[in-house]
Amino acid sequence: MEQDRIRNERRHLLKIGTLTVAAAAVGSYARSAAAQGASQHLDEKDPQAQALGYQHDAAKVDKAKFKNYQAGQTCANCQQYQGKPKDEWGGCTIFPGKQVNAKGWCSAWVKKA
């Protein structure tokens, strides 16, 4: 009798543990999906953006300070850009969780392969 009670308690604990792990996994996935869907536009005043000379409009790049800038370089034709060709804004591997303007530029620009 005592052994049956112990077995039942173990089964109950295993069920609860399994449900807890499953709930945690679903919650983590939901938070991750929400965070990706809620990415914000990169602010030009962001410290990392300023350090890399990021501008929403490549025509406004300080060419004296960022001598590596060349006309025609934009986020849309950079290797780091994760948006689609027609997207106005897209993700960037340099600025995780933020979106950059396709017409923008920063000094981390690398020609898209």
PDB file of N, CA and C in Angstrom:
ATOM      1  N   MET A   1       0.807  -1.184   0.000  1.00  0.00           N
ATOM      2  CA  MET A   1       0.000   0.000   0.000  1.00  0.00           C
ATOM      3  C   MET A   1       0.864   1.267   0.000  1.00  0.00           C
ATOM      4  N   GLU A   2       1.836   1.262   0.893  1.00  0.00           N
ATOM      5  CA  GLU A   2       2.727   2.414   0.989  1.00  0.00           C
ATOM      6  C   GLU A   2       3.488   2.615  -0.333  1.00  0.00           C
ATOM      7  N   GLN A   3       3.895   1.499  -0.951  1.00  0.00           N
ATOM      8  CA  GLN A   3       4.617   1.590  -2.214  1.00  0.00           C
ATOM      9  C   GLN A   3       3.726   2.149  -3.324  1.00  0.00           C
ATOM     10  N   ASP A   4       2.461   1.798  -3.326  1.00  0.00           N
ATOM     11  CA  ASP A   4       1.518   2.332  -4.319  1.00  0.00           C
ATOM     12  C   ASP A   4       1.365   3.846  -4.155  1.00  0.00           C
ATOM     13  N   ARG A   5       1.279   4.282  -2.913  1.00  0.00           N
ATOM     14  CA  ARG A   5       1.142   5.714  -2.643  1.00  0.00           C
ATOM     15  C   ARG A   5       2.386   6.455  -3.128  1.00  0.00           C
ATOM     16  N   ILE A   6       3.559   5.894  -2.883  1.00  0.00           N
ATOM     17  CA  ILE A   6       4.820   6.515  -3.299  1.00  0.00           C
ATOM     18  C   ILE A   6       4.890   6.575  -4.831  1.00  0.00           C
ATOM     19  N   ARG A   7       4.503   5.489  -5.513  1.00  0.00           N
ATOM     20  CA  ARG A   7       4.495   5.464  -6.978  1.00  0.00           C
ATOM     21  C   ARG A   7       3.564   6.542  -7.536  1.00  0.00           C
ATOM     22  N   ASN A   8       2.387   6.647  -6.928  1.00  0.00           N
ATOM     23  CA  ASN A   8       1.428   7.656  -7.384  1.00  0.00           C
ATOM     24  C   ASN A   8       1.969   9.072  -7.190  1.00  0.00           C
ATOM     25  N   GLU A   9       2.638   9.295  -6.068  1.00  0.00           N
ATOM     26  CA  GLU A   9       3.229  10.615  -5.821  1.00  0.00           C
ATOM     27  C   GLU A   9       4.331  10.913  -6.839  1.00  0.00           C
ATOM     28  N   ARG A  10       5.121   9.896  -7.143  1.00  0.00           N
ATOM     29  CA  ARG A  10       6.192  10.076  -8.137  1.00  0.00           C
ATOM     30  C   ARG A  10       5.593  10.410  -9.505  1.00  0.00           C
ATOM     31  N   ARG A  11       4.567   9.690  -9.896  1.00  0.00           N
ATOM     32  CA  ARG A  11       3.902   9.957 -11.184  1.00  0.00           C
ATOM     33  C   ARG A  11       3.363  11.383 -11.210  1.00  0.00           C
ATOM     34  N   HIS A  12       2.751  11.764 -10.120  1.00  0.00           N
ATOM     35  CA  HIS A  12       2.192  13.115 -10.024  1.00  0.00           C
ATOM     36  C   HIS A  12       3.299  14.170 -10.160  1.00  0.00           C
ATOM     37  N   LEU A  13       4.404  13.956  -9.465  1.00  0.00           N
ATOM     38  CA  LEU A  13       5.524  14.901  -9.546  1.00  0.00           C
ATOM     39  C   LEU A  13       6.116  14.936 -10.951  1.00  0.00           C
ATOM     40  N   LEU A  14       6.220  13.788 -11.600  1.00  0.00           N
ATOM     41  CA  LEU A  14       6.730  13.754 -12.970  1.00  0.00           C
ATOM     42  C   LEU A  14       5.811  14.510 -13.923  1.00  0.00           C
ATOM     43  N   LYS A  15       4.509  14.354 -13.763  1.00  0.00           N
ATOM     44  CA  LYS A  15       3.549  15.082 -14.598  1.00  0.00           C
ATOM     45  C   LYS A  15       3.685  16.582 -14.386  1.00  0.00           C
ATOM     46  N   ILE A  16       3.759  16.987 -13.145  1.00  0.00           N
ATOM     47  CA  ILE A  16       3.890  18.417 -12.833  1.00  0.00           C
ATOM     48  C   ILE A  16       5.200  18.957 -13.395  1.00  0.00           C
ATOM     49  N   GLY A  17       6.275  18.206 -13.222  1.00  0.00           N
ATOM     50  CA  GLY A  17       7.574  18.639 -13.744  1.00  0.00           C
ATOM     51  C   GLY A  17       7.555  18.782 -15.249  1.00  0.00           C
ATOM     52  N   THR A  18       6.950  17.826 -15.945  1.00  0.00           N
ATOM     53  CA  THR A  18       6.858  17.873 -17.402  1.00  0.00           C
ATOM     54  C   THR A  18       6.042  19.078 -17.848  1.00  0.00           C
ATOM     55  N   LEU A  19       4.934  19.316 -17.191  1.00  0.00           N
ATOM     56  CA  LEU A  19       4.095  20.468 -17.539  1.00  0.00           C
ATOM     57  C   LEU A  19       4.815  21.784 -17.272  1.00  0.00           C
ATOM     58  N   THR A  20       5.577  21.837 -16.198  1.00  0.00           N
ATOM     59  CA  THR A  20       6.324  23.047 -15.866  1.00  0.00           C
ATOM     60  C   THR A  20       7.373  23.348 -16.934  1.00  0.00           C
ATOM     61  N   VAL A  21       8.099  22.326 -17.352  1.00  0.00           N
ATOM     62  CA  VAL A  21       9.119  22.502 -18.393  1.00  0.00           C
ATOM     63  C   VAL A  21       8.467  22.932 -19.699  1.00  0.00           C
ATOM     64  N   ALA A  22       7.366  22.313 -20.057  1.00  0.00           N
ATOM     65  CA  ALA A  22       6.669  22.671 -21.295  1.00  0.00           C
ATOM     66  C   ALA A  22       6.165  24.105 -21.239  1.00  0.00           C
ATOM     67  N   ALA A  23       5.596  24.506 -20.117  1.00  0.00           N
ATOM     68  CA  ALA A  23       5.097  25.875 -19.969  1.00  0.00           C
ATOM     69  C   ALA A  23       6.231  26.888 -20.062  1.00  0.00           C
ATOM     70  N   ALA A  24       7.355  26.576 -19.474  1.00  0.00           N
ATOM     71  CA  ALA A  24       8.504  27.477 -19.535  1.00  0.00           C
ATOM     72  C   ALA A  24       9.003  27.625 -20.973  1.00  0.00           C
ATOM     73  N   ALA A  25       9.043  26.525 -21.705  1.00  0.00           N
ATOM     74  CA  ALA A  25       9.498  26.570 -23.097  1.00  0.00           C
ATOM     75  C   ALA A  25       8.552  27.408 -23.960  1.00  0.00           C
ATOM     76  N   VAL A  26       7.257  27.222 -23.788  1.00  0.00           N
ATOM     77  CA  VAL A  26       6.271  27.990 -24.549  1.00  0.00           C
ATOM     78  C   VAL A  26       6.372  29.470 -24.193  1.00  0.00           C
ATOM     79  N   GLY A  27       6.526  29.784 -22.926  1.00  0.00           N
ATOM     80  CA  GLY A  27       6.657  31.174 -22.492  1.00  0.00           C
ATOM     81  C   GLY A  27       7.888  31.825 -23.067  1.00  0.00           C
ATOM     82  N   SER A  28       8.990  31.109 -23.086  1.00  0.00           N
ATOM     83  CA  SER A  28      10.238  31.631 -23.630  1.00  0.00           C
ATOM     84  C   SER A  28      10.100  31.892 -25.126  1.00  0.00           C
ATOM     85  N   TYR A  29       9.472  30.978 -25.839  1.00  0.00           N
ATOM     86  CA  TYR A  29       9.258  31.144 -27.277  1.00  0.00           C
ATOM     87  C   TYR A  29       8.367  32.354 -27.545  1.00  0.00           C
ATOM     88  N   ALA A  30       7.315  32.515 -26.768  1.00  0.00           N
ATOM     89  CA  ALA A  30       6.397  33.641 -26.952  1.00  0.00           C
ATOM     90  C   ALA A  30       7.104  34.974 -26.705  1.00  0.00           C
ATOM     91  N   ARG A  31       7.936  35.029 -25.661  1.00  0.00           N
ATOM     92  CA  ARG A  31       8.675  36.269 -25.377  1.00  0.00           C
ATOM     93  C   ARG A  31       9.644  36.585 -26.512  1.00  0.00           C
ATOM     94  N   SER A  32      10.317  35.564 -27.033  1.00  0.00           N
ATOM     95  CA  SER A  32      11.275  35.755 -28.122  1.00  0.00           C
ATOM     96  C   SER A  32      10.565  36.237 -29.384  1.00  0.00           C
ATOM     97  N   ALA A  33       9.438  35.628 -29.715  1.00  0.00           N
ATOM     98  CA  ALA A  33       8.688  36.030 -30.906  1.00  0.00           C
ATOM     99  C   ALA A  33       8.164  37.448 -30.761  1.00  0.00           C
ATOM    100  N   ALA A  34       7.696  37.801 -29.574  1.00  0.00           N
ATOM    101  CA  ALA A  34       7.188  39.155 -29.349  1.00  0.00           C
ATOM    102  C   ALA A  34       8.314  40.175 -29.464  1.00  0.00           C
ATOM    103  N   ALA A  35       9.471  39.849 -28.954  1.00  0.00           N
ATOM    104  CA  ALA A  35      10.605  40.773 -29.012  1.00  0.00           C
ATOM    105  C   ALA A  35      11.047  40.994 -30.456  1.00  0.00           C
ATOM    106  N   GLN A  36      11.047  39.958 -31.261  1.00  0.00           N
ATOM    107  CA  GLN A  36      11.452  40.101 -32.650  1.00  0.00           C
ATOM    108  C   GLN A  36      10.441  40.927 -33.428  1.00  0.00           C
ATOM    109  N   GLY A  37       9.163  40.698 -33.151  1.00  0.00           N
ATOM    110  CA  GLY A  37       8.123  41.443 -33.844  1.00  0.00           C
ATOM    111  C   GLY A  37       8.069  42.891 -33.419  1.00  0.00           C
ATOM    112  N   ALA A  38       8.611  43.208 -32.275  1.00  0.00           N
ATOM    113  CA  ALA A  38       8.520  44.558 -31.736  1.00  0.00           C
ATOM    114  C   ALA A  38       9.824  45.328 -31.899  1.00  0.00           C
ATOM    115  N   SER A  39      10.655  44.915 -32.856  1.00  0.00           N
ATOM    116  CA  SER A  39      11.924  45.625 -32.964  1.00  0.00           C
ATOM    117  C   SER A  39      11.674  47.072 -33.384  1.00  0.00           C
ATOM    118  N   GLN A  40      12.491  47.945 -32.867  1.00  0.00           N
ATOM    119  CA  GLN A  40      12.322  49.378 -33.063  1.00  0.00           C
ATOM    120  C   GLN A  40      13.323  49.884 -34.088  1.00  0.00           C
ATOM    121  N   HIS A  41      13.009  51.047 -34.626  1.00  0.00           N
ATOM    122  CA  HIS A  41      13.958  51.700 -35.522  1.00  0.00           C
ATOM    123  C   HIS A  41      15.141  52.196 -34.707  1.00  0.00           C
ATOM    124  N   LEU A  42      16.312  52.035 -35.245  1.00  0.00           N
ATOM    125  CA  LEU A  42      17.526  52.501 -34.582  1.00  0.00           C
ATOM    126  C   LEU A  42      17.505  54.022 -34.504  1.00  0.00           C
ATOM    127  N   ASP A  43      17.786  54.555 -33.337  1.00  0.00           N
ATOM    128  CA  ASP A  43      17.862  55.990 -33.134  1.00  0.00           C
ATOM    129  C   ASP A  43      19.262  56.459 -33.501  1.00  0.00           C
ATOM    130  N   GLU A  44      19.361  57.497 -34.323  1.00  0.00           N
ATOM    131  CA  GLU A  44      20.675  58.018 -34.707  1.00  0.00           C
ATOM    132  C   GLU A  44      21.466  58.506 -33.496  1.00  0.00           C
ATOM    133  N   LYS A  45      20.771  58.785 -32.387  1.00  0.00           N
ATOM    134  CA  LYS A  45      21.437  59.261 -31.169  1.00  0.00           C
ATOM    135  C   LYS A  45      21.904  58.121 -30.269  1.00  0.00           C
ATOM    136  N   ASP A  46      21.585  56.884 -30.638  1.00  0.00           N
ATOM    137  CA  ASP A  46      22.050  55.719 -29.894  1.00  0.00           C
ATOM    138  C   ASP A  46      23.584  55.759 -29.872  1.00  0.00           C
ATOM    139  N   PRO A  47      24.205  55.517 -28.708  1.00  0.00           N
ATOM    140  CA  PRO A  47      25.673  55.602 -28.625  1.00  0.00           C
ATOM    141  C   PRO A  47      26.415  54.744 -29.653  1.00  0.00           C
ATOM    142  N   GLN A  48      25.958  53.529 -29.881  1.00  0.00           N
ATOM    143  CA  GLN A  48      26.624  52.668 -30.862  1.00  0.00           C
ATOM    144  C   GLN A  48      26.423  53.229 -32.273  1.00  0.00           C
ATOM    145  N   ALA A  49      25.219  53.728 -32.553  1.00  0.00           N
ATOM    146  CA  ALA A  49      24.950  54.323 -33.865  1.00  0.00           C
ATOM    147  C   ALA A  49      25.859  55.524 -34.102  1.00  0.00           C
ATOM    148  N   GLN A  50      26.012  56.362 -33.087  1.00  0.00           N
ATOM    149  CA  GLN A  50      26.874  57.536 -33.220  1.00  0.00           C
ATOM    150  C   GLN A  50      28.333  57.138 -33.429  1.00  0.00           C
ATOM    151  N   ALA A  51      28.775  56.139 -32.695  1.00  0.00           N
ATOM    152  CA  ALA A  51      30.167  55.694 -32.823  1.00  0.00           C
ATOM    153  C   ALA A  51      30.463  55.179 -34.235  1.00  0.00           C
ATOM    154  N   LEU A  52      29.456  54.592 -34.868  1.00  0.00           N
ATOM    155  CA  LEU A  52      29.643  54.047 -36.215  1.00  0.00           C
ATOM    156  C   LEU A  52      29.177  55.009 -37.306  1.00  0.00           C
ATOM    157  N   GLY A  53      28.758  56.208 -36.921  1.00  0.00           N
ATOM    158  CA  GLY A  53      28.348  57.212 -37.898  1.00  0.00           C
ATOM    159  C   GLY A  53      27.047  56.889 -38.605  1.00  0.00           C
ATOM    160  N   TYR A  54      26.186  56.107 -37.970  1.00  0.00           N
ATOM    161  CA  TYR A  54      24.920  55.722 -38.615  1.00  0.00           C
ATOM    162  C   TYR A  54      24.058  56.938 -38.897  1.00  0.00           C
ATOM    163  N   GLN A  55      23.526  56.966 -40.116  1.00  0.00           N
ATOM    164  CA  GLN A  55      22.561  57.978 -40.534  1.00  0.00           C
ATOM    165  C   GLN A  55      21.413  57.263 -41.232  1.00  0.00           C
ATOM    166  N   HIS A  56      20.181  57.733 -41.019  1.00  0.00           N
ATOM    167  CA  HIS A  56      19.025  57.154 -41.710  1.00  0.00           C
ATOM    168  C   HIS A  56      19.119  57.422 -43.215  1.00  0.00           C
ATOM    169  N   ASP A  57      19.796  58.493 -43.581  1.00  0.00           N
ATOM    170  CA  ASP A  57      19.957  58.887 -44.978  1.00  0.00           C
ATOM    171  C   ASP A  57      21.452  58.975 -45.275  1.00  0.00           C
ATOM    172  N   ALA A  58      21.946  58.083 -46.120  1.00  0.00           N
ATOM    173  CA  ALA A  58      23.379  58.027 -46.417  1.00  0.00           C
ATOM    174  C   ALA A  58      23.914  59.348 -46.962  1.00  0.00           C
ATOM    175  N   ALA A  59      23.065  60.155 -47.580  1.00  0.00           N
ATOM    176  CA  ALA A  59      23.508  61.444 -48.127  1.00  0.00           C
ATOM    177  C   ALA A  59      23.957  62.400 -47.016  1.00  0.00           C
ATOM    178  N   LYS A  60      23.571  62.121 -45.771  1.00  0.00           N
ATOM    179  CA  LYS A  60      23.909  62.997 -44.646  1.00  0.00           C
ATOM    180  C   LYS A  60      25.155  62.537 -43.872  1.00  0.00           C
ATOM    181  N   VAL A  61      25.849  61.528 -44.372  1.00  0.00           N
ATOM    182  CA  VAL A  61      27.046  61.023 -43.698  1.00  0.00           C
ATOM    183  C   VAL A  61      28.117  62.108 -43.670  1.00  0.00           C
ATOM    184  N   ASP A  62      28.787  62.243 -42.537  1.00  0.00           N
ATOM    185  CA  ASP A  62      29.898  63.192 -42.402  1.00  0.00           C
ATOM    186  C   ASP A  62      31.099  62.598 -43.146  1.00  0.00           C
ATOM    187  N   LYS A  63      31.267  63.038 -44.395  1.00  0.00           N
ATOM    188  CA  LYS A  63      32.301  62.465 -45.260  1.00  0.00           C
ATOM    189  C   LYS A  63      33.715  62.821 -44.799  1.00  0.00           C
ATOM    190  N   ALA A  64      33.857  63.894 -44.052  1.00  0.00           N
ATOM    191  CA  ALA A  64      35.176  64.261 -43.529  1.00  0.00           C
ATOM    192  C   ALA A  64      35.572  63.316 -42.396  1.00  0.00           C
ATOM    193  N   LYS A  65      34.601  62.928 -41.593  1.00  0.00           N
ATOM    194  CA  LYS A  65      34.873  62.050 -40.461  1.00  0.00           C
ATOM    195  C   LYS A  65      34.936  60.584 -40.887  1.00  0.00           C
ATOM    196  N   PHE A  66      34.087  60.196 -41.838  1.00  0.00           N
ATOM    197  CA  PHE A  66      34.017  58.796 -42.287  1.00  0.00           C
ATOM    198  C   PHE A  66      34.491  58.717 -43.735  1.00  0.00           C
ATOM    199  N   LYS A  67      35.797  58.735 -43.895  1.00  0.00           N
ATOM    200  CA  LYS A  67      36.414  58.766 -45.216  1.00  0.00           C
ATOM    201  C   LYS A  67      36.185  57.483 -46.018  1.00  0.00           C
ATOM    202  N   ASN A  68      35.789  56.406 -45.334  1.00  0.00           N
ATOM    203  CA  ASN A  68      35.539  55.150 -46.044  1.00  0.00           C
ATOM    204  C   ASN A  68      34.176  55.151 -46.752  1.00  0.00           C
ATOM    205  N   TYR A  69      33.339  56.161 -46.490  1.00  0.00           N
ATOM    206  CA  TYR A  69      32.035  56.237 -47.167  1.00  0.00           C
ATOM    207  C   TYR A  69      32.236  56.554 -48.641  1.00  0.00           C
ATOM    208  N   GLN A  70      31.478  55.860 -49.472  1.00  0.00           N
ATOM    209  CA  GLN A  70      31.474  56.135 -50.910  1.00  0.00           C
ATOM    210  C   GLN A  70      30.030  56.235 -51.366  1.00  0.00           C
ATOM    211  N   ALA A  71      29.770  57.165 -52.272  1.00  0.00           N
ATOM    212  CA  ALA A  71      28.415  57.350 -52.804  1.00  0.00           C
ATOM    213  C   ALA A  71      27.870  56.012 -53.305  1.00  0.00           C
ATOM    214  N   GLY A  72      26.621  55.771 -53.024  1.00  0.00           N
ATOM    215  CA  GLY A  72      25.968  54.525 -53.451  1.00  0.00           C
ATOM    216  C   GLY A  72      25.933  53.453 -52.368  1.00  0.00           C
ATOM    217  N   GLN A  73      26.743  53.603 -51.329  1.00  0.00           N
ATOM    218  CA  GLN A  73      26.714  52.645 -50.224  1.00  0.00           C
ATOM    219  C   GLN A  73      25.498  52.955 -49.354  1.00  0.00           C
ATOM    220  N   THR A  74      24.665  51.960 -49.133  1.00  0.00           N
ATOM    221  CA  THR A  74      23.496  52.096 -48.251  1.00  0.00           C
ATOM    222  C   THR A  74      23.335  50.810 -47.462  1.00  0.00           C
ATOM    223  N   CYS A  75      22.521  50.889 -46.449  1.00  0.00           N
ATOM    224  CA  CYS A  75      22.245  49.683 -45.654  1.00  0.00           C
ATOM    225  C   CYS A  75      21.669  48.583 -46.548  1.00  0.00           C
ATOM    226  N   ALA A  76      20.826  48.960 -47.516  1.00  0.00           N
ATOM    227  CA  ALA A  76      20.174  47.967 -48.371  1.00  0.00           C
ATOM    228  C   ALA A  76      21.172  47.135 -49.176  1.00  0.00           C
ATOM    229  N   ASN A  77      22.354  47.695 -49.479  1.00  0.00           N
ATOM    230  CA  ASN A  77      23.333  46.912 -50.248  1.00  0.00           C
ATOM    231  C   ASN A  77      24.532  46.492 -49.392  1.00  0.00           C
ATOM    232  N   CYS A  78      24.296  46.436 -48.080  1.00  0.00           N
ATOM    233  CA  CYS A  78      25.323  46.012 -47.121  1.00  0.00           C
ATOM    234  C   CYS A  78      25.109  44.545 -46.720  1.00  0.00           C
ATOM    235  N   GLN A  79      26.180  43.851 -46.506  1.00  0.00           N
ATOM    236  CA  GLN A  79      26.138  42.446 -46.082  1.00  0.00           C
ATOM    237  C   GLN A  79      25.394  42.264 -44.763  1.00  0.00           C
ATOM    238  N   GLN A  80      25.425  43.268 -43.888  1.00  0.00           N
ATOM    239  CA  GLN A  80      24.825  43.168 -42.553  1.00  0.00           C
ATOM    240  C   GLN A  80      23.301  43.310 -42.574  1.00  0.00           C
ATOM    241  N   TYR A  81      22.757  43.902 -43.639  1.00  0.00           N
ATOM    242  CA  TYR A  81      21.322  44.207 -43.721  1.00  0.00           C
ATOM    243  C   TYR A  81      20.504  42.930 -43.875  1.00  0.00           C
ATOM    244  N   GLN A  82      19.452  42.808 -43.085  1.00  0.00           N
ATOM    245  CA  GLN A  82      18.638  41.588 -43.105  1.00  0.00           C
ATOM    246  C   GLN A  82      17.245  41.798 -43.688  1.00  0.00           C
ATOM    247  N   GLY A  83      16.968  43.003 -44.139  1.00  0.00           N
ATOM    248  CA  GLY A  83      15.669  43.280 -44.752  1.00  0.00           C
ATOM    249  C   GLY A  83      15.611  42.732 -46.170  1.00  0.00           C
ATOM    250  N   LYS A  84      14.410  42.752 -46.721  1.00  0.00           N
ATOM    251  CA  LYS A  84      14.221  42.335 -48.110  1.00  0.00           C
ATOM    252  C   LYS A  84      14.523  43.525 -49.021  1.00  0.00           C
ATOM    253  N   PRO A  85      14.812  43.288 -50.287  1.00  0.00           N
ATOM    254  CA  PRO A  85      15.203  44.382 -51.184  1.00  0.00           C
ATOM    255  C   PRO A  85      14.240  45.581 -51.218  1.00  0.00           C
ATOM    256  N   LYS A  86      12.961  45.358 -51.093  1.00  0.00           N
ATOM    257  CA  LYS A  86      11.992  46.465 -51.181  1.00  0.00           C
ATOM    258  C   LYS A  86      11.598  47.033 -49.818  1.00  0.00           C
ATOM    259  N   ASP A  87      12.129  46.482 -48.720  1.00  0.00           N
ATOM    260  CA  ASP A  87      11.795  46.960 -47.379  1.00  0.00           C
ATOM    261  C   ASP A  87      12.413  48.333 -47.122  1.00  0.00           C
ATOM    262  N   GLU A  88      11.628  49.233 -46.516  1.00  0.00           N
ATOM    263  CA  GLU A  88      12.151  50.551 -46.136  1.00  0.00           C
ATOM    264  C   GLU A  88      13.058  50.438 -44.910  1.00  0.00           C
ATOM    265  N   TRP A  89      12.725  49.522 -43.995  1.00  0.00           N
ATOM    266  CA  TRP A  89      13.497  49.270 -42.774  1.00  0.00           C
ATOM    267  C   TRP A  89      13.757  47.770 -42.673  1.00  0.00           C
ATOM    268  N   GLY A  90      14.886  47.410 -42.091  1.00  0.00           N
ATOM    269  CA  GLY A  90      15.196  45.996 -41.902  1.00  0.00           C
ATOM    270  C   GLY A  90      16.192  45.799 -40.776  1.00  0.00           C
ATOM    271  N   GLY A  91      16.298  44.582 -40.340  1.00  0.00           N
ATOM    272  CA  GLY A  91      17.236  44.244 -39.274  1.00  0.00           C
ATOM    273  C   GLY A  91      18.678  44.385 -39.742  1.00  0.00           C
ATOM    274  N   CYS A  92      19.574  44.454 -38.780  1.00  0.00           N
ATOM    275  CA  CYS A  92      20.998  44.596 -39.070  1.00  0.00           C
ATOM    276  C   CYS A  92      21.769  43.799 -38.022  1.00  0.00           C
ATOM    277  N   THR A  93      22.740  43.040 -38.461  1.00  0.00           N
ATOM    278  CA  THR A  93      23.513  42.234 -37.516  1.00  0.00           C
ATOM    279  C   THR A  93      24.364  43.091 -36.590  1.00  0.00           C
ATOM    280  N   ILE A  94      24.645  44.314 -36.972  1.00  0.00           N
ATOM    281  CA  ILE A  94      25.442  45.219 -36.141  1.00  0.00           C
ATOM    282  C   ILE A  94      24.621  45.788 -34.986  1.00  0.00           C
ATOM    283  N   PHE A  95      23.320  45.966 -35.227  1.00  0.00           N
ATOM    284  CA  PHE A  95      22.421  46.557 -34.225  1.00  0.00           C
ATOM    285  C   PHE A  95      21.286  45.576 -33.911  1.00  0.00           C
ATOM    286  N   PRO A  96      21.566  44.515 -33.145  1.00  0.00           N
ATOM    287  CA  PRO A  96      20.545  43.502 -32.850  1.00  0.00           C
ATOM    288  C   PRO A  96      19.314  44.106 -32.180  1.00  0.00           C
ATOM    289  N   GLY A  97      18.139  43.653 -32.625  1.00  0.00           N
ATOM    290  CA  GLY A  97      16.885  44.105 -32.045  1.00  0.00           C
ATOM    291  C   GLY A  97      16.422  45.457 -32.555  1.00  0.00           C
ATOM    292  N   LYS A  98      17.178  46.049 -33.452  1.00  0.00           N
ATOM    293  CA  LYS A  98      16.818  47.351 -34.022  1.00  0.00           C
ATOM    294  C   LYS A  98      16.739  47.218 -35.536  1.00  0.00           C
ATOM    295  N   GLN A  99      15.967  48.102 -36.144  1.00  0.00           N
ATOM    296  CA  GLN A  99      15.896  48.136 -37.597  1.00  0.00           C
ATOM    297  C   GLN A  99      16.573  49.398 -38.098  1.00  0.00           C
ATOM    298  N   VAL A 100      17.276  49.261 -39.210  1.00  0.00           N
ATOM    299  CA  VAL A 100      17.950  50.389 -39.837  1.00  0.00           C
ATOM    300  C   VAL A 100      17.210  50.740 -41.124  1.00  0.00           C
ATOM    301  N   ASN A 101      17.361  51.984 -41.553  1.00  0.00           N
ATOM    302  CA  ASN A 101      16.731  52.433 -42.783  1.00  0.00           C
ATOM    303  C   ASN A 101      17.510  51.885 -43.970  1.00  0.00           C
ATOM    304  N   ALA A 102      16.803  51.364 -44.961  1.00  0.00           N
ATOM    305  CA  ALA A 102      17.460  50.804 -46.145  1.00  0.00           C
ATOM    306  C   ALA A 102      18.326  51.849 -46.840  1.00  0.00           C
ATOM    307  N   LYS A 103      17.963  53.135 -46.720  1.00  0.00           N
ATOM    308  CA  LYS A 103      18.726  54.219 -47.340  1.00  0.00           C
ATOM    309  C   LYS A 103      19.832  54.739 -46.424  1.00  0.00           C
ATOM    310  N   GLY A 104      19.967  54.117 -45.257  1.00  0.00           N
ATOM    311  CA  GLY A 104      20.947  54.563 -44.276  1.00  0.00           C
ATOM    312  C   GLY A 104      22.343  54.058 -44.568  1.00  0.00           C
ATOM    313  N   TRP A 105      23.249  54.364 -43.636  1.00  0.00           N
ATOM    314  CA  TRP A 105      24.650  53.948 -43.764  1.00  0.00           C
ATOM    315  C   TRP A 105      25.329  54.020 -42.410  1.00  0.00           C
ATOM    316  N   CYS A 106      26.330  53.167 -42.191  1.00  0.00           N
ATOM    317  CA  CYS A 106      27.224  53.282 -41.039  1.00  0.00           C
ATOM    318  C   CYS A 106      28.597  52.774 -41.467  1.00  0.00           C
ATOM    319  N   SER A 107      29.585  53.022 -40.653  1.00  0.00           N
ATOM    320  CA  SER A 107      30.962  52.678 -41.016  1.00  0.00           C
ATOM    321  C   SER A 107      31.250  51.176 -41.000  1.00  0.00           C
ATOM    322  N   ALA A 108      30.291  50.380 -40.580  1.00  0.00           N
ATOM    323  CA  ALA A 108      30.468  48.922 -40.618  1.00  0.00           C
ATOM    324  C   ALA A 108      30.006  48.344 -41.953  1.00  0.00           C
ATOM    325  N   TRP A 109      29.699  49.218 -42.899  1.00  0.00           N
ATOM    326  CA  TRP A 109      29.201  48.792 -44.215  1.00  0.00           C
ATOM    327  C   TRP A 109      30.187  47.850 -44.890  1.00  0.00           C
ATOM    328  N   VAL A 110      29.638  46.737 -45.431  1.00  0.00           N
ATOM    329  CA  VAL A 110      30.416  45.755 -46.188  1.00  0.00           C
ATOM    330  C   VAL A 110      29.588  45.397 -47.420  1.00  0.00           C
ATOM    331  N   LYS A 111      30.197  45.430 -48.577  1.00  0.00           N
ATOM    332  CA  LYS A 111      29.467  45.153 -49.820  1.00  0.00           C
ATOM    333  C   LYS A 111      28.782  43.781 -49.750  1.00  0.00           C
ATOM    334  N   LYS A 112      27.499  43.783 -50.091  1.00  0.00           N
ATOM    335  CA  LYS A 112      26.722  42.538 -50.097  1.00  0.00           C
ATOM    336  C   LYS A 112      27.271  41.610 -51.182  1.00  0.00           C
ATOM    337  N   ALA A 113      27.468  40.362 -50.800  1.00  0.00           N
ATOM    338  CA  ALA A 113      28.022  39.379 -51.757  1.00  0.00           C
ATOM    339  C   ALA A 113      27.008  38.969 -52.797  1.00  0.00           C
TER     340      ALA A 113
END
